[in-house]
Amino acid sequence: MRNVVRLFNDEVGVELCERTGRSPAFQYLQIGCSRKAEQQMLSFAKAQVGKPFNMLAMVRSVAWPRKTNQRNYYCAELVASVLKSGGLMCA
């Protein structure tokens, strides 16, 4: 598995990494897409590397959804933004 985008509430924040195996603790979904969409998503993800996790935005999103500010993310927000950049999710 290549080009995994991860986001944790730590000093790294957003990170782009490569995984060599699959954890039995998770379910994996492979999304078919064009090479162009793949490159757009990868480029977008690379531009997010180092941005911080936003715990407050995650908690607030339950009652007050926000429009992503692209300065920081919470987990689902980052995934949605990556998918949108490749045209795999509508705004």
Protein backbone atom coordinates (compact mmCIF):
# COMPACT_ATOMS: atom_id res chain seq x y z
CA MET A 1 0.00 0.00 0.00
CA ARG A 2 1.42 3.35 -0.97
CA ASN A 3 0.77 7.00 -0.21
CA VAL A 4 -1.21 6.76 3.00
CA VAL A 5 -2.26 10.11 4.47
CA ARG A 6 -2.36 10.04 8.24
CA LEU A 7 -3.30 12.67 10.78
CA PHE A 8 -2.74 12.40 14.52
CA ASN A 9 -2.95 14.81 17.40
CA ASP A 10 0.82 14.98 17.88
CA GLU A 11 3.76 17.17 16.87
CA VAL A 12 3.76 15.74 13.32
CA GLY A 13 0.12 16.41 12.45
CA VAL A 14 -0.46 15.54 8.77
CA GLU A 15 1.96 13.04 7.29
CA LEU A 16 2.22 11.20 3.98
CA CYS A 17 3.72 7.76 4.35
CA GLU A 18 4.02 4.34 2.77
CA ARG A 19 2.65 1.20 4.37
CA THR A 20 4.05 -2.21 3.56
CA GLY A 21 1.40 -4.33 5.23
CA ARG A 22 -2.17 -4.39 6.40
CA SER A 23 -3.26 -4.38 10.00
CA PRO A 24 -5.95 -6.95 10.86
CA ALA A 25 -7.45 -4.28 13.13
CA PHE A 26 -8.61 -2.20 10.15
CA GLN A 27 -10.79 -2.65 7.08
CA TYR A 28 -9.32 -1.35 3.83
CA LEU A 29 -11.15 0.07 0.84
CA GLN A 30 -9.52 0.52 -2.51
CA ILE A 31 -11.01 3.30 -4.59
CA GLY A 32 -10.67 2.98 -8.33
CA CYS A 33 -9.78 6.27 -9.97
CA SER A 34 -7.88 7.67 -12.90
CA ARG A 35 -4.14 8.32 -12.78
CA LYS A 36 -4.93 12.05 -13.03
CA ALA A 37 -7.22 11.92 -9.97
CA GLU A 38 -4.58 9.93 -8.10
CA GLN A 39 -1.93 12.54 -8.87
CA GLN A 40 -4.24 15.41 -7.87
CA MET A 41 -4.98 13.75 -4.53
CA LEU A 42 -1.32 12.98 -3.91
CA SER A 43 -0.30 16.54 -4.75
CA PHE A 44 -2.98 17.94 -2.43
CA ALA A 45 -1.96 15.57 0.37
CA LYS A 46 1.72 16.53 0.01
CA ALA A 47 0.78 20.20 0.39
CA GLN A 48 -0.91 19.40 3.73
CA VAL A 49 2.12 17.71 5.32
CA GLY A 50 3.01 19.28 8.66
CA LYS A 51 -0.35 20.96 9.24
CA PRO A 52 -1.75 20.38 12.73
CA PHE A 53 -4.65 18.30 13.99
CA ASN A 54 -7.57 20.43 15.24
CA MET A 55 -9.29 18.76 18.18
CA LEU A 56 -11.68 21.68 18.71
CA ALA A 57 -12.89 21.54 15.09
CA MET A 58 -13.54 17.83 15.44
CA VAL A 59 -15.58 18.27 18.61
CA ARG A 60 -17.46 21.29 17.24
CA SER A 61 -18.28 19.52 13.95
CA VAL A 62 -20.98 17.48 15.68
CA ALA A 63 -23.10 20.59 16.28
CA TRP A 64 -21.48 23.31 14.15
CA PRO A 65 -19.95 22.02 10.92
CA ARG A 66 -17.21 24.25 9.60
CA LYS A 67 -15.87 25.03 6.19
CA THR A 68 -12.30 23.70 6.11
CA ASN A 69 -9.79 26.50 6.56
CA GLN A 70 -6.87 24.38 5.21
CA ARG A 71 -4.59 25.65 8.01
CA ASN A 72 -5.44 22.63 10.19
CA TYR A 73 -7.63 19.53 9.96
CA TYR A 74 -9.37 16.85 11.89
CA CYS A 75 -9.29 13.30 10.53
CA ALA A 76 -12.53 13.04 8.52
CA GLU A 77 -12.08 16.58 7.22
CA LEU A 78 -8.67 15.71 5.78
CA VAL A 79 -9.98 12.55 4.11
CA ALA A 80 -12.88 14.47 2.56
CA SER A 81 -10.55 17.22 1.33
CA VAL A 82 -8.20 14.70 -0.30
CA LEU A 83 -11.13 12.94 -2.03
CA LYS A 84 -12.58 16.27 -3.19
CA SER A 85 -9.24 17.28 -4.69
CA GLY A 86 -9.35 14.19 -6.90
CA GLY A 87 -12.97 14.67 -7.88
CA LEU A 88 -14.10 11.57 -5.96
CA MET A 89 -16.35 13.47 -3.58
CA CYS A 90 -18.70 16.37 -4.16
CA ALA A 91 -18.45 19.58 -2.16
